[in-house]
Amino acid sequence: MSWLILALSGVLEAVWATALGKSEGFSRLTPSLIFAVALAASMGGLAYAMRDLPIGTAYAVWVGIGAVLTVLYAMLTGGESVSVLKIVFLVLIVGSVVGLKAAH
């Protein structure tokens, strides 16, 4: 169950990171509210997962999932350029997250 909560928290990390960018310095209400709610839920899920998982592993997986999804979203919406190298490095991050799960 901790791994599932951790994965969902990683998804929420991508949500709050994207909302933070769209909040324009917290000057836009809706993205700012999405940021606050997603941040609280993401941190709460990370804290829950850390009850059963090592802190280093949990944090690395959480950040990895959030980072990859944030970049993919930006690429898909045109906010960030797409390149072969970016895709290769994102695949490496995903492989590292899977490896940390397998090594646990």
Protein backbone atom coordinates (compact mmCIF):
# COMPACT_ATOMS: atom_id res chain seq x y z
CA MET A 1 0.00 0.00 0.00
CA SER A 2 2.88 2.39 0.76
CA TRP A 3 4.20 2.08 -2.78
CA LEU A 4 0.80 2.92 -4.26
CA ILE A 5 0.43 5.95 -1.98
CA LEU A 6 3.96 7.01 -2.88
CA ALA A 7 3.24 6.76 -6.62
CA LEU A 8 0.04 8.78 -6.26
CA SER A 9 1.95 11.36 -4.22
CA GLY A 10 4.50 11.57 -7.03
CA VAL A 11 1.69 12.30 -9.48
CA LEU A 12 0.43 15.02 -7.15
CA GLU A 13 3.93 16.46 -7.07
CA ALA A 14 3.68 16.98 -10.82
CA VAL A 15 0.27 18.60 -10.31
CA TRP A 16 1.51 21.09 -7.73
CA ALA A 17 4.69 21.87 -9.68
CA THR A 18 2.67 22.59 -12.81
CA ALA A 19 0.11 24.63 -10.87
CA LEU A 20 2.93 26.61 -9.25
CA GLY A 21 4.19 27.59 -12.69
CA LYS A 22 0.72 28.56 -13.83
CA SER A 23 0.00 30.58 -10.67
CA GLU A 24 2.26 33.39 -11.91
CA GLY A 25 3.73 34.08 -8.50
CA PHE A 26 0.46 33.22 -6.71
CA SER A 27 -1.32 36.04 -8.54
CA ARG A 28 -3.87 33.66 -10.13
CA LEU A 29 -6.37 32.14 -7.69
CA THR A 30 -7.29 28.79 -9.28
CA PRO A 31 -3.74 27.55 -9.95
CA SER A 32 -2.69 28.82 -6.51
CA LEU A 33 -5.47 26.81 -4.84
CA ILE A 34 -4.63 23.70 -6.89
CA PHE A 35 -1.00 24.15 -5.85
CA ALA A 36 -1.86 24.34 -2.14
CA VAL A 37 -4.20 21.34 -2.14
CA ALA A 38 -1.94 19.16 -4.29
CA LEU A 39 1.12 20.12 -2.24
CA ALA A 40 -0.55 19.19 1.04
CA ALA A 41 -1.86 15.90 -0.33
CA SER A 42 1.47 15.05 -1.96
CA MET A 43 3.46 15.74 1.20
CA GLY A 44 0.92 13.85 3.29
CA GLY A 45 1.22 10.83 1.03
CA LEU A 46 5.00 11.00 1.08
CA ALA A 47 4.96 11.14 4.87
CA TYR A 48 2.61 8.16 5.01
CA ALA A 49 4.80 6.11 2.66
CA MET A 50 7.90 6.94 4.72
CA ARG A 51 6.39 5.05 7.66
CA ASP A 52 7.17 1.81 5.79
CA LEU A 53 9.82 2.78 3.24
CA PRO A 54 13.35 4.11 3.74
CA ILE A 55 13.45 7.90 3.51
CA GLY A 56 16.05 8.00 0.74
CA THR A 57 14.21 5.52 -1.46
CA ALA A 58 10.80 7.11 -0.86
CA TYR A 59 12.07 10.61 -1.57
CA ALA A 60 13.96 9.60 -4.71
CA VAL A 61 10.94 7.75 -6.11
CA TRP A 62 8.61 10.65 -5.24
CA VAL A 63 10.86 13.23 -6.89
CA GLY A 64 11.52 11.00 -9.90
CA ILE A 65 7.84 10.44 -10.62
CA GLY A 66 7.03 14.11 -10.13
CA ALA A 67 9.91 15.33 -12.28
CA VAL A 68 9.22 12.99 -15.18
CA LEU A 69 5.50 13.75 -15.25
CA THR A 70 6.10 17.49 -14.97
CA VAL A 71 8.50 17.49 -17.93
CA LEU A 72 6.25 15.21 -19.99
CA TYR A 73 3.26 17.47 -19.37
CA ALA A 74 5.27 20.53 -20.37
CA MET A 75 6.45 18.78 -23.53
CA LEU A 76 2.94 17.65 -24.46
CA THR A 77 1.45 21.11 -23.95
CA GLY A 78 4.24 22.94 -25.79
CA GLY A 79 5.71 24.54 -22.70
CA GLU A 80 9.02 22.78 -23.20
CA SER A 81 10.86 21.59 -26.27
CA VAL A 82 11.15 17.91 -27.07
CA SER A 83 14.49 16.33 -27.89
CA VAL A 84 15.91 12.85 -28.12
CA LEU A 85 18.29 13.54 -25.24
CA LYS A 86 15.48 14.70 -22.97
CA ILE A 87 13.52 11.54 -23.73
CA VAL A 88 16.59 9.38 -23.06
CA PHE A 89 17.21 11.03 -19.70
CA LEU A 90 13.54 10.78 -18.70
CA VAL A 91 13.66 7.06 -19.52
CA LEU A 92 16.76 6.78 -17.32
CA ILE A 93 14.90 8.43 -14.44
CA VAL A 94 11.98 6.01 -14.88
CA GLY A 95 14.45 3.11 -14.96
CA SER A 96 16.03 4.37 -11.75
CA VAL A 97 12.64 4.59 -10.02
CA VAL A 98 11.81 1.04 -11.11
CA GLY A 99 15.26 -0.08 -9.95
CA LEU A 100 14.75 1.45 -6.52
CA LYS A 101 11.44 -0.36 -6.21
CA ALA A 102 13.03 -3.65 -7.30
CA ALA A 103 15.94 -3.22 -4.91
CA HIS A 104 13.70 -2.59 -1.93
